[in-house]
Amino acid sequence: MSTYTVKAGEIERRWWVVDADGATLGRLATRVAAALRGKHKAAFTDHLDVGDAVVVVNAGRIKVTGKKLAQKQYVRHSGYPGGLRTETLERLLARRPEEVIRRAVRGMLPRNRLGEKMFRKLYVYASAEHPHAAQRPEPLDQMKEKAS
């Protein structure tokens, strides 16, 4: 008996929508990352992109626990002397709320070309409106029911 590997033509893609209003950042990001990877599917294959597309709405209304708003730092460096730039979660959430969710999900995906391919299927919007109505996305809460 050999292990079954799904072929590229057999992969079924779906669209999911997640409302981030009142959701905890890390818990939401893990559910979204699992859907992007395809871990909810019986035909999950770790070396292939079998995941689905995910639309996150109301990113500006995400919640975090504890003192993370003031204490969590996003750090980057330009490579030049004195080029260290830091920004708190509170400031980034006020300036670009979509980026907070993007960075949280990106950190949970593989760090290779496959992870980049998965990450491109994530669409994050600060408000409730999104331009993906034609794809008829379903609520991510139904994912577990459909997978069974």
N, C-alpha and C. Protein backbone atom coordinates (compact mmCIF):
# COMPACT_ATOMS: atom_id res chain seq x y z
N MET A 1 0.84 -1.17 0.00
CA MET A 1 0.00 0.00 0.00
C MET A 1 0.89 1.24 0.00
N SER A 2 0.54 2.22 -0.82
CA SER A 2 1.34 3.44 -0.89
C SER A 2 0.53 4.63 -0.40
N THR A 3 1.23 5.68 -0.06
CA THR A 3 0.59 6.89 0.42
C THR A 3 -0.02 7.65 -0.74
N TYR A 4 -1.25 8.10 -0.56
CA TYR A 4 -1.93 8.84 -1.62
C TYR A 4 -1.47 10.30 -1.61
N THR A 5 -1.14 10.81 -2.77
CA THR A 5 -0.77 12.22 -2.92
C THR A 5 -1.74 12.86 -3.90
N VAL A 6 -2.33 13.94 -3.51
CA VAL A 6 -3.29 14.63 -4.37
C VAL A 6 -2.56 15.27 -5.53
N LYS A 7 -3.17 15.25 -6.71
CA LYS A 7 -2.58 15.87 -7.89
C LYS A 7 -3.11 17.28 -8.05
N ALA A 8 -2.40 18.11 -8.80
CA ALA A 8 -2.77 19.52 -8.94
C ALA A 8 -4.16 19.69 -9.52
N GLY A 9 -4.58 18.83 -10.43
CA GLY A 9 -5.90 18.93 -11.04
C GLY A 9 -7.03 18.51 -10.12
N GLU A 10 -6.71 17.80 -9.06
CA GLU A 10 -7.73 17.29 -8.13
C GLU A 10 -8.01 18.24 -6.97
N ILE A 11 -7.24 19.31 -6.86
CA ILE A 11 -7.40 20.22 -5.72
C ILE A 11 -8.65 21.07 -5.93
N GLU A 12 -9.54 21.05 -4.94
CA GLU A 12 -10.74 21.88 -4.98
C GLU A 12 -10.52 23.10 -4.09
N ARG A 13 -10.67 24.26 -4.69
CA ARG A 13 -10.47 25.52 -3.95
C ARG A 13 -11.82 26.08 -3.53
N ARG A 14 -11.87 26.61 -2.32
CA ARG A 14 -13.07 27.28 -1.82
C ARG A 14 -12.67 28.66 -1.31
N TRP A 15 -13.66 29.48 -1.08
CA TRP A 15 -13.45 30.82 -0.51
C TRP A 15 -14.16 30.88 0.83
N TRP A 16 -13.45 31.40 1.82
CA TRP A 16 -13.99 31.58 3.16
C TRP A 16 -13.93 33.05 3.53
N VAL A 17 -14.87 33.49 4.35
CA VAL A 17 -14.87 34.86 4.87
C VAL A 17 -14.88 34.79 6.39
N VAL A 18 -14.09 35.66 7.01
CA VAL A 18 -13.97 35.70 8.47
C VAL A 18 -14.25 37.12 8.93
N ASP A 19 -15.13 37.26 9.92
CA ASP A 19 -15.38 38.57 10.51
C ASP A 19 -14.49 38.71 11.74
N ALA A 20 -13.57 39.65 11.70
CA ALA A 20 -12.60 39.83 12.78
C ALA A 20 -13.14 40.72 13.90
N ASP A 21 -14.38 41.14 13.84
CA ASP A 21 -14.96 42.03 14.85
C ASP A 21 -15.00 41.32 16.20
N GLY A 22 -14.20 41.79 17.14
CA GLY A 22 -14.17 41.22 18.48
C GLY A 22 -13.35 39.95 18.62
N ALA A 23 -12.74 39.47 17.55
CA ALA A 23 -11.94 38.25 17.60
C ALA A 23 -10.56 38.55 18.16
N THR A 24 -9.98 37.56 18.85
CA THR A 24 -8.62 37.69 19.37
C THR A 24 -7.63 37.46 18.24
N LEU A 25 -6.63 38.29 18.13
CA LEU A 25 -5.70 38.29 17.00
C LEU A 25 -5.05 36.93 16.75
N GLY A 26 -4.43 36.35 17.75
CA GLY A 26 -3.72 35.09 17.57
C GLY A 26 -4.63 33.92 17.23
N ARG A 27 -5.77 33.86 17.88
CA ARG A 27 -6.71 32.76 17.62
C ARG A 27 -7.28 32.84 16.21
N LEU A 28 -7.57 34.06 15.78
CA LEU A 28 -8.05 34.26 14.43
C LEU A 28 -6.97 33.89 13.41
N ALA A 29 -5.74 34.31 13.67
CA ALA A 29 -4.64 34.06 12.74
C ALA A 29 -4.36 32.57 12.58
N THR A 30 -4.48 31.79 13.64
CA THR A 30 -4.23 30.35 13.51
C THR A 30 -5.30 29.69 12.65
N ARG A 31 -6.56 30.08 12.81
CA ARG A 31 -7.63 29.52 11.98
C ARG A 31 -7.45 29.89 10.52
N VAL A 32 -7.07 31.13 10.26
CA VAL A 32 -6.86 31.59 8.89
C VAL A 32 -5.66 30.88 8.26
N ALA A 33 -4.56 30.76 9.01
CA ALA A 33 -3.37 30.09 8.48
C ALA A 33 -3.64 28.63 8.16
N ALA A 34 -4.42 27.95 9.00
CA ALA A 34 -4.76 26.55 8.73
C ALA A 34 -5.60 26.42 7.47
N ALA A 35 -6.51 27.35 7.24
CA ALA A 35 -7.33 27.32 6.03
C ALA A 35 -6.50 27.62 4.79
N LEU A 36 -5.55 28.54 4.89
CA LEU A 36 -4.68 28.86 3.76
C LEU A 36 -3.78 27.68 3.40
N ARG A 37 -3.34 26.93 4.40
CA ARG A 37 -2.49 25.75 4.16
C ARG A 37 -3.30 24.57 3.67
N GLY A 38 -4.58 24.48 4.05
CA GLY A 38 -5.41 23.36 3.65
C GLY A 38 -5.41 22.24 4.67
N LYS A 39 -5.06 22.55 5.92
CA LYS A 39 -4.95 21.51 6.95
C LYS A 39 -6.30 20.92 7.34
N HIS A 40 -7.39 21.57 6.93
CA HIS A 40 -8.72 21.07 7.25
C HIS A 40 -9.20 20.02 6.24
N LYS A 41 -8.43 19.78 5.19
CA LYS A 41 -8.84 18.86 4.14
C LYS A 41 -8.26 17.47 4.37
N ALA A 42 -9.00 16.45 3.96
CA ALA A 42 -8.52 15.08 4.08
C ALA A 42 -7.33 14.83 3.15
N ALA A 43 -7.26 15.57 2.05
CA ALA A 43 -6.19 15.41 1.08
C ALA A 43 -5.04 16.38 1.34
N PHE A 44 -4.82 16.79 2.58
CA PHE A 44 -3.74 17.72 2.89
C PHE A 44 -2.40 17.09 2.56
N THR A 45 -1.59 17.82 1.83
CA THR A 45 -0.25 17.39 1.48
C THR A 45 0.68 18.55 1.79
N ASP A 46 1.69 18.30 2.63
CA ASP A 46 2.49 19.41 3.12
C ASP A 46 3.40 20.04 2.07
N HIS A 47 3.69 19.34 0.98
CA HIS A 47 4.58 19.92 -0.03
C HIS A 47 3.81 20.49 -1.22
N LEU A 48 2.48 20.56 -1.13
CA LEU A 48 1.65 21.15 -2.18
C LEU A 48 0.74 22.21 -1.57
N ASP A 49 0.34 23.16 -2.39
CA ASP A 49 -0.61 24.19 -1.94
C ASP A 49 -2.02 23.69 -2.19
N VAL A 50 -2.65 23.11 -1.17
CA VAL A 50 -4.02 22.59 -1.31
C VAL A 50 -5.02 23.48 -0.57
N GLY A 51 -4.57 24.62 -0.07
CA GLY A 51 -5.40 25.49 0.76
C GLY A 51 -6.42 26.30 -0.02
N ASP A 52 -7.25 27.00 0.73
CA ASP A 52 -8.33 27.81 0.20
C ASP A 52 -8.01 29.30 0.35
N ALA A 53 -8.79 30.13 -0.32
CA ALA A 53 -8.66 31.58 -0.19
C ALA A 53 -9.48 32.05 1.01
N VAL A 54 -8.96 33.03 1.73
CA VAL A 54 -9.63 33.54 2.92
C VAL A 54 -9.73 35.06 2.83
N VAL A 55 -10.94 35.58 3.08
CA VAL A 55 -11.20 37.02 3.12
C VAL A 55 -11.48 37.40 4.57
N VAL A 56 -10.69 38.32 5.11
CA VAL A 56 -10.90 38.79 6.49
C VAL A 56 -11.46 40.20 6.42
N VAL A 57 -12.62 40.42 7.05
CA VAL A 57 -13.25 41.73 7.08
C VAL A 57 -13.25 42.27 8.50
N ASN A 58 -13.44 43.57 8.65
CA ASN A 58 -13.45 44.26 9.95
C ASN A 58 -12.12 44.09 10.69
N ALA A 59 -11.01 44.20 9.98
CA ALA A 59 -9.69 44.04 10.60
C ALA A 59 -9.41 45.14 11.62
N GLY A 60 -10.04 46.27 11.48
CA GLY A 60 -9.83 47.36 12.43
C GLY A 60 -10.45 47.14 13.79
N ARG A 61 -11.27 46.11 13.92
CA ARG A 61 -11.96 45.85 15.19
C ARG A 61 -11.41 44.62 15.90
N ILE A 62 -10.19 44.24 15.59
CA ILE A 62 -9.57 43.07 16.21
C ILE A 62 -9.24 43.39 17.67
N LYS A 63 -9.24 42.38 18.52
CA LYS A 63 -8.92 42.56 19.94
C LYS A 63 -7.63 41.82 20.27
N VAL A 64 -6.93 42.32 21.26
CA VAL A 64 -5.76 41.64 21.81
C VAL A 64 -5.89 41.61 23.32
N THR A 65 -5.25 40.65 23.95
CA THR A 65 -5.36 40.50 25.40
C THR A 65 -4.14 41.11 26.08
N GLY A 66 -4.28 41.37 27.34
CA GLY A 66 -3.18 41.86 28.14
C GLY A 66 -2.74 43.27 27.75
N LYS A 67 -1.43 43.51 27.87
CA LYS A 67 -0.87 44.83 27.58
C LYS A 67 -0.22 44.89 26.21
N LYS A 68 -0.64 43.99 25.31
CA LYS A 68 0.02 43.91 24.00
C LYS A 68 -0.11 45.18 23.17
N LEU A 69 -1.20 45.91 23.32
CA LEU A 69 -1.35 47.14 22.53
C LEU A 69 -0.18 48.09 22.74
N ALA A 70 0.27 48.21 23.96
CA ALA A 70 1.36 49.14 24.26
C ALA A 70 2.73 48.46 24.20
N GLN A 71 2.81 47.15 24.48
CA GLN A 71 4.10 46.50 24.63
C GLN A 71 4.60 45.77 23.39
N LYS A 72 3.70 45.28 22.53
CA LYS A 72 4.15 44.53 21.35
C LYS A 72 4.78 45.48 20.35
N GLN A 73 5.98 45.14 19.90
CA GLN A 73 6.73 45.99 18.98
C GLN A 73 6.92 45.28 17.64
N TYR A 74 6.72 46.00 16.57
CA TYR A 74 7.07 45.53 15.23
C TYR A 74 8.38 46.21 14.87
N VAL A 75 9.40 45.43 14.58
CA VAL A 75 10.74 45.95 14.40
C VAL A 75 11.23 45.66 12.98
N ARG A 76 11.90 46.64 12.37
CA ARG A 76 12.55 46.42 11.09
C ARG A 76 13.82 47.27 11.06
N HIS A 77 14.75 46.88 10.21
CA HIS A 77 16.02 47.60 10.11
C HIS A 77 16.35 47.78 8.64
N SER A 78 16.78 48.98 8.27
CA SER A 78 17.08 49.29 6.88
C SER A 78 18.43 48.73 6.44
N GLY A 79 19.28 48.38 7.39
CA GLY A 79 20.61 47.91 7.06
C GLY A 79 21.65 49.01 7.19
N TYR A 80 21.22 50.23 7.37
CA TYR A 80 22.12 51.36 7.54
C TYR A 80 22.29 51.68 9.02
N PRO A 81 23.39 52.32 9.40
CA PRO A 81 23.56 52.72 10.81
C PRO A 81 22.42 53.64 11.25
N GLY A 82 21.85 53.35 12.38
CA GLY A 82 20.73 54.14 12.88
C GLY A 82 19.42 53.84 12.17
N GLY A 83 19.36 52.73 11.43
CA GLY A 83 18.18 52.42 10.61
C GLY A 83 17.16 51.54 11.30
N LEU A 84 17.23 51.39 12.62
CA LEU A 84 16.27 50.57 13.35
C LEU A 84 14.97 51.35 13.53
N ARG A 85 13.86 50.76 13.10
CA ARG A 85 12.55 51.39 13.23
C ARG A 85 11.63 50.45 14.00
N THR A 86 11.00 50.97 15.04
CA THR A 86 10.05 50.18 15.82
C THR A 86 8.70 50.88 15.83
N GLU A 87 7.66 50.08 15.95
CA GLU A 87 6.30 50.61 15.99
C GLU A 87 5.47 49.70 16.89
N THR A 88 4.65 50.30 17.76
CA THR A 88 3.83 49.49 18.65
C THR A 88 2.61 48.96 17.90
N LEU A 89 2.02 47.94 18.47
CA LEU A 89 0.80 47.36 17.89
C LEU A 89 -0.32 48.39 17.86
N GLU A 90 -0.42 49.20 18.88
CA GLU A 90 -1.47 50.22 18.95
C GLU A 90 -1.36 51.21 17.79
N ARG A 91 -0.15 51.63 17.51
CA ARG A 91 0.06 52.61 16.43
C ARG A 91 -0.18 51.98 15.06
N LEU A 92 0.31 50.75 14.86
CA LEU A 92 0.11 50.08 13.57
C LEU A 92 -1.37 49.77 13.35
N LEU A 93 -2.07 49.42 14.41
CA LEU A 93 -3.51 49.14 14.30
C LEU A 93 -4.29 50.39 13.92
N ALA A 94 -3.86 51.53 14.43
CA ALA A 94 -4.53 52.79 14.07
C ALA A 94 -4.19 53.21 12.64
N ARG A 95 -2.95 52.94 12.22
CA ARG A 95 -2.48 53.40 10.92
C ARG A 95 -2.88 52.46 9.79
N ARG A 96 -2.63 51.15 9.96
CA ARG A 96 -2.92 50.15 8.92
C ARG A 96 -3.41 48.87 9.59
N PRO A 97 -4.69 48.76 9.92
CA PRO A 97 -5.19 47.58 10.65
C PRO A 97 -5.06 46.28 9.85
N GLU A 98 -5.06 46.35 8.53
CA GLU A 98 -4.94 45.13 7.72
C GLU A 98 -3.57 44.49 7.92
N GLU A 99 -2.56 45.34 8.09
CA GLU A 99 -1.19 44.85 8.20
C GLU A 99 -0.97 44.01 9.46
N VAL A 100 -1.70 44.31 10.53
CA VAL A 100 -1.57 43.55 11.77
C VAL A 100 -1.96 42.10 11.54
N ILE A 101 -3.07 41.88 10.88
CA ILE A 101 -3.53 40.51 10.61
C ILE A 101 -2.61 39.84 9.60
N ARG A 102 -2.19 40.57 8.58
CA ARG A 102 -1.28 39.99 7.57
C ARG A 102 0.00 39.49 8.21
N ARG A 103 0.59 40.28 9.11
CA ARG A 103 1.85 39.88 9.74
C ARG A 103 1.65 38.69 10.68
N ALA A 104 0.53 38.64 11.39
CA ALA A 104 0.28 37.52 12.30
C ALA A 104 0.11 36.22 11.51
N VAL A 105 -0.62 36.28 10.40
CA VAL A 105 -0.84 35.07 9.60
C VAL A 105 0.44 34.67 8.88
N ARG A 106 1.18 35.63 8.37
CA ARG A 106 2.41 35.34 7.63
C ARG A 106 3.41 34.60 8.49
N GLY A 107 3.45 34.95 9.78
CA GLY A 107 4.36 34.28 10.70
C GLY A 107 4.00 32.83 10.97
N MET A 108 2.80 32.42 10.62
CA MET A 108 2.35 31.05 10.85
C MET A 108 2.39 30.18 9.60
N LEU A 109 2.84 30.74 8.50
CA LEU A 109 2.95 29.99 7.25
C LEU A 109 4.40 29.59 7.01
N PRO A 110 4.63 28.59 6.15
CA PRO A 110 6.01 28.19 5.86
C PRO A 110 6.83 29.32 5.28
N ARG A 111 8.11 29.34 5.59
CA ARG A 111 9.01 30.39 5.10
C ARG A 111 9.74 29.92 3.85
N ASN A 112 8.97 29.73 2.78
CA ASN A 112 9.53 29.33 1.50
C ASN A 112 8.59 29.77 0.38
N ARG A 113 8.84 29.33 -0.85
CA ARG A 113 8.02 29.74 -1.98
C ARG A 113 6.58 29.27 -1.84
N LEU A 114 6.41 28.10 -1.23
CA LEU A 114 5.06 27.57 -1.03
C LEU A 114 4.28 28.46 -0.06
N GLY A 115 4.95 28.94 0.99
CA GLY A 115 4.31 29.84 1.94
C GLY A 115 3.90 31.15 1.28
N GLU A 116 4.74 31.65 0.38
CA GLU A 116 4.39 32.87 -0.36
C GLU A 116 3.15 32.66 -1.22
N LYS A 117 3.07 31.51 -1.84
CA LYS A 117 1.92 31.18 -2.68
C LYS A 117 0.63 31.11 -1.84
N MET A 118 0.74 30.53 -0.66
CA MET A 118 -0.41 30.45 0.25
C MET A 118 -0.81 31.84 0.73
N PHE A 119 0.18 32.66 1.04
CA PHE A 119 -0.08 33.99 1.58
C PHE A 119 -0.79 34.89 0.58
N ARG A 120 -0.58 34.66 -0.71
CA ARG A 120 -1.23 35.47 -1.73
C ARG A 120 -2.73 35.24 -1.80
N LYS A 121 -3.22 34.19 -1.15
CA LYS A 121 -4.66 33.90 -1.15
C LYS A 121 -5.36 34.53 0.05
N LEU A 122 -4.66 35.36 0.80
CA LEU A 122 -5.24 36.06 1.95
C LEU A 122 -5.61 37.48 1.53
N TYR A 123 -6.86 37.86 1.81
CA TYR A 123 -7.36 39.19 1.48
C TYR A 123 -7.91 39.80 2.77
N VAL A 124 -7.35 40.93 3.20
CA VAL A 124 -7.72 41.55 4.47
C VAL A 124 -8.26 42.95 4.19
N TYR A 125 -9.40 43.28 4.82
CA TYR A 125 -10.03 44.59 4.65
C TYR A 125 -10.40 45.16 6.01
N ALA A 126 -10.20 46.46 6.18
CA ALA A 126 -10.45 47.12 7.46
C ALA A 126 -11.94 47.26 7.75
N SER A 127 -12.77 47.34 6.71
CA SER A 127 -14.21 47.50 6.92
C SER A 127 -14.95 46.21 6.55
N ALA A 128 -16.27 46.26 6.60
CA ALA A 128 -17.08 45.08 6.33
C ALA A 128 -17.26 44.79 4.84
N GLU A 129 -16.98 45.77 3.98
CA GLU A 129 -17.16 45.57 2.55
C GLU A 129 -15.91 44.93 1.93
N HIS A 130 -16.15 44.03 0.97
CA HIS A 130 -15.05 43.44 0.22
C HIS A 130 -15.52 43.17 -1.21
N PRO A 131 -14.60 43.18 -2.19
CA PRO A 131 -14.97 43.02 -3.59
C PRO A 131 -15.02 41.57 -4.06
N HIS A 132 -15.17 40.60 -3.16
CA HIS A 132 -15.12 39.19 -3.54
C HIS A 132 -16.47 38.50 -3.44
N ALA A 133 -17.54 39.25 -3.63
CA ALA A 133 -18.89 38.66 -3.54
C ALA A 133 -19.12 37.66 -4.66
N ALA A 134 -18.50 37.86 -5.81
CA ALA A 134 -18.69 36.95 -6.95
C ALA A 134 -18.17 35.54 -6.65
N GLN A 135 -17.20 35.42 -5.76
CA GLN A 135 -16.65 34.10 -5.40
C GLN A 135 -17.52 33.39 -4.37
N ARG A 136 -18.55 34.06 -3.86
CA ARG A 136 -19.48 33.52 -2.87
C ARG A 136 -18.76 32.86 -1.69
N PRO A 137 -17.98 33.66 -0.92
CA PRO A 137 -17.28 33.07 0.23
C PRO A 137 -18.26 32.68 1.33
N GLU A 138 -17.94 31.57 1.98
CA GLU A 138 -18.76 31.08 3.09
C GLU A 138 -18.07 31.43 4.41
N PRO A 139 -18.84 31.54 5.50
CA PRO A 139 -18.22 31.81 6.80
C PRO A 139 -17.26 30.69 7.20
N LEU A 140 -16.12 31.05 7.76
CA LEU A 140 -15.10 30.07 8.13
C LEU A 140 -15.59 29.13 9.22
N ASP A 141 -16.61 29.53 9.97
CA ASP A 141 -17.15 28.66 11.02
C ASP A 141 -17.74 27.39 10.43
N GLN A 142 -18.18 27.44 9.17
CA GLN A 142 -18.76 26.26 8.53
C GLN A 142 -17.71 25.30 8.02
N MET A 143 -16.44 25.67 8.09
CA MET A 143 -15.38 24.85 7.55
C MET A 143 -15.34 23.47 8.19
N LYS A 144 -15.46 23.41 9.50
CA LYS A 144 -15.39 22.13 10.20
C LYS A 144 -16.58 21.24 9.84
N GLU A 145 -17.75 21.85 9.67
CA GLU A 145 -18.94 21.07 9.29
C GLU A 145 -18.79 20.46 7.90
N LYS A 146 -18.22 21.23 6.96
CA LYS A 146 -18.09 20.78 5.58
C LYS A 146 -16.98 19.74 5.43
N ALA A 147 -15.94 19.83 6.28
CA ALA A 147 -14.81 18.93 6.17
C ALA A 147 -15.17 17.51 6.59
N SER A 148 -16.17 17.36 7.43
CA SER A 148 -16.55 16.04 7.93
C SER A 148 -17.29 15.23 6.88
